[in-house]
């Protein structure tokens, strides 16, 4: 049968928190029997947004990583639960029963993604339900997806094989949850923005008395003798290579600008970095 999958585009997330607020609106003060008890107003973030800064001034960027329950096929929480308190539905959603799970605080520790929260007042573990109560009622997407203004969140309702092929064709990835991860069903696009590094720089011509941006320069990135990527500097003379593994190198940057403007730079990447202003 078809299953539900969430796709997160890291490049489109602007940390507006509409998804977080929509989740609160749906679940705070509302009990959904068989799906979830009311979520506390404070403390729990069923849609948690992680933040990562890369680089140093003046070459900095920020990426945001929406992180809900991964609705794993081999969910560690289901394996840790007693009395059938956690179920994996045939349509892909993992649900913690708000009655059977009472007192089972160990479920919080079982999640390698930190996506399960403890409700102290009710003494139950809680998490994202994929708004299963709404999808069962005919909705085509959960509240977080409905509220996302940039298209960073989307859903797929596909057979498992179709989703696998889509992930390959679109370069989708899942979060690494370590050895206890259980085949997540939340996929990420442009995850390199969160887990990999960049090399950037600014090209200028002239001298300290009078300089101009070196727009249109060809910039090539090599590792050993292998060409990895090629860029053209923009109108401000800036270039950027992204998706580089941390603690890697050495790399060689070759710059060609009009007649005679050539330069080579060696760089080892520990984290995102800039080679600074390069005079041609």
Protein backbone atom coordinates (compact mmCIF):
# COMPACT_ATOMS: atom_id res chain seq x y z
CA UNK A 1 0.00 0.00 0.00
CA UNK A 2 0.99 3.63 -0.31
CA UNK A 3 2.89 5.17 2.57
CA UNK A 4 3.41 8.72 3.83
CA UNK A 5 6.83 10.36 3.61
CA UNK A 6 8.02 13.81 4.59
CA UNK A 7 10.59 15.63 2.43
CA UNK A 8 12.53 18.57 3.91
CA UNK A 9 14.46 20.99 1.68
CA UNK A 10 17.15 22.46 3.94
CA UNK A 11 17.96 25.18 1.41
CA UNK A 12 14.40 26.54 1.56
CA UNK A 13 13.97 26.61 5.35
CA UNK A 14 14.18 30.16 6.75
CA UNK A 15 13.47 29.31 10.41
CA UNK A 16 10.10 31.09 10.35
CA UNK A 17 8.76 28.45 12.78
CA UNK A 18 5.36 28.34 11.07
CA UNK A 19 5.59 24.54 11.15
CA UNK A 20 6.30 24.57 14.89
CA UNK A 21 3.41 26.97 15.55
CA UNK A 22 0.98 25.02 13.37
CA UNK A 23 1.86 21.87 15.32
CA UNK A 24 1.20 23.69 18.60
CA UNK A 25 -2.10 25.03 17.27
CA UNK A 26 -3.23 21.53 16.33
CA UNK A 27 -2.11 19.68 19.43
CA UNK A 28 -2.07 22.09 22.40
CA UNK A 29 -5.37 21.87 24.28
CA UNK A 30 -6.63 19.15 21.94
CA UNK A 31 -6.82 15.46 22.74
CA UNK A 32 -6.98 13.17 19.72
CA UNK A 33 -8.03 9.80 21.22
CA UNK A 34 -6.01 6.91 19.82
CA UNK A 35 -3.47 9.30 18.26
CA UNK A 36 -2.15 11.70 20.91
CA UNK A 37 -2.97 13.47 24.13
CA UNK A 38 -2.77 17.25 24.32
CA UNK A 39 0.74 18.63 23.89
CA UNK A 40 2.03 20.96 26.63
CA UNK A 41 2.24 24.63 25.62
CA UNK A 42 5.85 24.90 26.74
CA UNK A 43 8.86 22.60 26.48
CA UNK A 44 7.98 20.17 23.73
CA UNK A 45 8.97 20.77 20.10
CA UNK A 46 7.47 18.01 17.99
CA UNK A 47 8.85 19.92 15.00
CA UNK A 48 12.27 20.95 16.29
CA UNK A 49 14.41 23.23 14.12
CA UNK A 50 18.15 22.90 14.53
CA UNK A 51 20.51 25.68 13.42
CA UNK A 52 24.05 25.65 12.09
CA UNK A 53 26.37 28.52 11.23
CA UNK A 54 29.15 27.86 8.75
CA UNK A 55 32.28 29.89 8.17
CA UNK A 56 33.63 33.01 9.82
CA UNK A 57 33.06 36.71 9.23
CA UNK A 58 32.73 37.95 6.56
CA UNK A 59 32.00 34.62 4.81
CA UNK A 60 29.15 33.11 6.83
CA UNK A 61 25.93 31.30 6.08
CA UNK A 62 23.27 29.67 8.25
CA UNK A 63 21.23 26.53 7.62
CA UNK A 64 18.13 25.30 9.43
CA UNK A 65 17.17 21.66 9.88
CA UNK A 66 13.52 20.83 10.71
CA UNK A 67 13.67 17.62 12.73
CA UNK A 68 10.39 15.84 13.55
CA UNK A 69 9.88 12.18 14.39
CA UNK A 70 11.48 10.15 11.57
CA UNK A 71 8.67 7.53 11.54
CA UNK A 72 11.29 4.81 11.19
CA UNK A 73 10.49 1.44 9.66
CA UNK A 74 12.45 -0.28 12.44
CA UNK A 75 11.56 2.31 15.07
CA UNK A 76 13.77 1.99 18.19
CA UNK A 77 10.89 3.35 20.28
CA UNK A 78 8.64 0.50 19.14
CA UNK A 79 11.29 -2.03 20.11
CA UNK A 80 11.69 -0.38 23.52
CA UNK A 81 7.96 -0.11 24.23
CA UNK A 82 5.97 -2.40 26.49
CA UNK A 83 2.40 -3.60 26.02
CA UNK A 84 2.33 -2.59 22.36
CA UNK A 85 2.44 1.10 23.31
CA UNK A 86 4.08 2.04 20.01
CA UNK A 87 2.76 0.87 16.65
CA UNK A 88 4.09 1.17 13.11
CA UNK A 89 1.11 1.61 10.83
CA UNK A 90 1.06 0.02 7.36
CA UNK A 91 0.92 3.54 5.86
CA UNK A 92 4.27 4.39 7.46
CA UNK A 93 3.31 6.42 10.52
CA UNK A 94 4.61 5.57 14.00
CA UNK A 95 2.11 6.28 16.78
CA UNK A 96 2.66 6.26 20.55
CA UNK A 97 -0.58 5.23 22.25
CA UNK A 98 -1.34 7.92 24.86
CA UNK A 99 -2.93 5.37 27.19
CA UNK A 100 -0.67 2.32 26.89
CA UNK A 101 2.53 4.37 27.08
CA UNK A 102 1.84 5.87 30.50
CA UNK A 103 4.93 5.71 32.69
CA UNK A 104 7.24 4.54 29.89
CA UNK A 105 9.85 7.29 30.14
CA UNK A 106 12.45 4.95 28.61
CA UNK A 107 10.90 5.68 25.21
CA UNK A 108 12.33 9.20 25.36
CA UNK A 109 15.86 7.79 25.62
CA UNK A 110 15.26 5.21 22.91
CA UNK A 111 15.01 7.76 20.07
CA UNK A 112 18.39 8.43 18.40
CA UNK A 113 17.02 11.70 16.96
CA UNK A 114 15.77 13.19 20.24
CA UNK A 115 12.28 13.43 18.78
CA UNK A 116 10.33 12.01 21.76
CA UNK A 117 9.38 14.31 24.64
CA UNK A 118 8.20 13.57 28.18
CA UNK A 119 4.92 15.02 29.43
CA UNK A 120 5.49 15.30 33.18
CA UNK A 121 1.88 16.15 33.99
CA UNK A 122 0.43 13.16 32.14
CA UNK A 123 3.46 10.90 32.63
CA UNK A 124 3.55 9.91 28.97
CA UNK A 125 6.05 10.14 26.09
CA UNK A 126 4.89 12.21 23.12
CA UNK A 127 6.01 13.09 19.59
CA UNK A 128 4.95 14.07 16.09
CA UNK A 129 2.09 11.90 14.80
CA UNK A 130 2.33 13.12 11.17
CA UNK A 131 -1.15 14.51 11.98
CA UNK A 132 -2.46 10.99 11.40
CA UNK A 133 -5.90 12.02 12.69
CA UNK A 134 -6.16 14.54 9.86
CA UNK A 135 -4.82 12.27 7.12
CA UNK A 136 -7.24 9.55 8.25
CA UNK A 137 -10.02 12.14 7.87
CA UNK A 138 -9.04 12.87 4.26
CA UNK A 139 -6.41 15.60 4.54
CA UNK A 140 -3.57 15.39 2.02
CA UNK A 141 -0.84 16.86 4.22
CA UNK A 142 -0.10 17.46 7.92
CA UNK A 143 -0.41 20.91 9.50
CA UNK A 144 3.34 21.63 9.37
CA UNK A 145 3.41 21.17 5.59
CA UNK A 146 0.23 23.20 5.14
CA UNK A 147 1.76 26.11 7.07
CA UNK A 148 5.19 26.16 5.38
CA UNK A 149 5.41 29.35 3.26
CA UNK A 150 8.59 28.48 1.33
CA UNK A 151 7.92 24.90 0.26
CA UNK A 152 10.67 23.60 2.54
CA UNK A 153 8.28 20.87 3.72
CA UNK A 154 6.37 18.57 1.40
CA UNK A 155 4.79 15.13 1.50
CA UNK A 156 4.92 12.12 -0.76
CA UNK A 157 2.23 9.43 -0.71
CA UNK A 158 3.87 6.57 -2.57
CA UNK A 159 4.63 2.88 -2.59
CA UNK A 160 7.92 2.11 -0.83
CA UNK A 161 9.66 1.22 -4.10
CA UNK A 162 8.51 4.45 -5.72
CA UNK A 163 9.91 6.47 -2.82
CA UNK A 164 13.25 4.69 -3.05
CA UNK A 165 13.50 5.54 -6.76
CA UNK A 166 12.48 9.14 -6.10
CA UNK A 167 15.16 9.47 -3.40
CA UNK A 168 17.82 8.25 -5.82
CA UNK A 169 16.71 10.44 -8.72
CA UNK A 170 16.48 13.60 -6.58
CA UNK A 171 19.50 12.96 -4.37
CA UNK A 172 17.46 12.77 -1.16
CA UNK A 173 19.14 11.67 2.05
CA UNK A 174 18.11 10.61 5.54
CA UNK A 175 19.62 11.83 8.78
CA UNK A 176 22.30 9.65 10.31
CA UNK A 177 20.99 8.54 13.68
CA UNK A 178 23.92 6.27 14.48
CA UNK A 179 23.83 2.54 15.08
CA UNK A 180 20.36 2.62 16.65
CA UNK A 181 18.66 4.42 13.74
CA UNK A 182 15.80 2.44 12.24
CA UNK A 183 15.41 3.32 8.54
CA UNK A 184 13.77 6.76 8.72
CA UNK A 185 10.96 7.87 6.43
CA UNK A 186 11.81 11.57 6.55
CA UNK A 187 14.04 12.55 3.63
CA UNK A 188 16.21 15.65 3.17
CA UNK A 189 17.16 17.63 0.09
CA UNK A 190 20.30 19.82 0.16
CA UNK A 191 21.45 18.28 3.43
CA UNK A 192 25.00 19.33 2.52
CA UNK A 193 24.05 22.80 3.81
CA UNK A 194 23.99 21.33 7.29
CA UNK A 195 26.64 18.63 7.33
CA UNK A 196 29.31 19.73 4.84
CA UNK A 197 31.59 22.71 4.26
CA UNK A 198 32.31 25.45 1.75
CA UNK A 199 35.36 27.26 0.39
CA UNK A 200 34.77 30.83 -0.76
CA UNK A 201 36.75 33.89 -1.79
CA UNK A 202 36.63 37.29 -3.44
CA UNK A 203 38.61 38.18 -6.57
CA UNK A 204 39.78 41.72 -7.26
CA UNK A 205 42.03 43.47 -9.77
CA UNK A 206 44.14 46.59 -9.50
CA UNK A 207 45.89 47.67 -6.33
CA UNK A 208 45.09 49.09 -2.91
CA UNK A 209 44.69 52.57 -4.43
CA UNK A 210 42.14 51.55 -7.05
CA UNK A 211 40.57 48.12 -7.24
CA UNK A 212 37.73 46.50 -9.17
CA UNK A 213 35.71 43.33 -8.67
CA UNK A 214 36.97 40.55 -10.92
CA UNK A 215 33.66 39.38 -12.35
CA UNK A 216 33.61 36.51 -14.82
CA UNK A 217 36.80 34.79 -13.67
CA UNK A 218 37.00 31.01 -14.05
CA UNK A 219 37.68 29.28 -10.74
CA UNK A 220 38.44 25.53 -10.64
CA UNK A 221 38.68 23.26 -7.61
CA UNK A 222 41.06 20.29 -7.76
CA UNK A 223 41.96 17.49 -5.41
CA UNK A 224 45.24 16.02 -6.53
CA UNK A 225 44.82 16.18 -10.32
CA UNK A 226 41.07 15.57 -10.32
CA UNK A 227 38.81 18.49 -11.25
CA UNK A 228 35.98 18.52 -8.70
CA UNK A 229 34.07 21.66 -9.63
CA UNK A 230 34.21 24.83 -11.71
CA UNK A 231 32.66 28.22 -10.96
CA UNK A 232 32.54 31.69 -12.50
CA UNK A 233 32.96 34.62 -10.13
CA UNK A 234 29.88 36.84 -9.84
CA UNK A 235 29.54 40.60 -10.32
CA UNK A 236 31.15 41.17 -6.93
CA UNK A 237 34.09 38.89 -7.71
CA UNK A 238 32.81 36.25 -5.28
CA UNK A 239 32.99 32.47 -5.74
CA UNK A 240 31.92 29.56 -3.53
CA UNK A 241 32.43 25.79 -3.64
CA UNK A 242 30.03 23.86 -1.41
CA UNK A 243 29.39 20.28 -0.34
CA UNK A 244 33.00 19.67 0.75
CA UNK A 245 33.58 17.07 3.49
CA UNK A 246 34.96 18.53 6.73
CA UNK A 247 38.56 17.74 7.69
CA UNK A 248 39.50 16.99 4.10
CA UNK A 249 42.09 18.11 1.59
CA UNK A 250 44.44 19.34 0.43
CA UNK A 251 42.63 21.13 -2.39
CA UNK A 252 44.01 23.35 -5.15
CA UNK A 253 42.14 26.35 -6.49
CA UNK A 254 43.11 27.59 -9.95
CA UNK A 255 41.94 31.03 -11.06
CA UNK A 256 41.99 32.35 -14.62
CA UNK A 257 41.02 35.94 -15.41
CA UNK A 258 41.24 37.45 -18.85
CA UNK A 259 44.74 37.61 -20.34
CA UNK A 260 47.51 36.85 -17.91
CA UNK A 261 45.48 36.89 -14.70
CA UNK A 262 46.25 33.46 -13.21
CA UNK A 263 46.73 32.29 -9.65
CA UNK A 264 46.83 29.05 -7.63
CA UNK A 265 45.87 28.60 -3.98
CA UNK A 266 46.32 25.54 -1.76
CA UNK A 267 43.81 24.98 1.04
CA UNK A 268 43.06 22.25 3.61
CA UNK A 269 39.46 22.20 4.85
CA UNK A 270 38.75 21.59 8.52
CA UNK A 271 35.53 23.56 8.48
CA UNK A 272 33.92 26.10 6.14
CA UNK A 273 36.43 28.78 5.23
CA UNK A 274 37.29 31.70 2.98
CA UNK A 275 40.57 32.25 1.17
CA UNK A 276 39.87 35.95 1.60
CA UNK A 277 40.56 38.63 -1.01
CA UNK A 278 42.62 37.38 -3.94
CA UNK A 279 44.40 40.01 -6.04
CA UNK A 280 44.78 39.17 -9.71
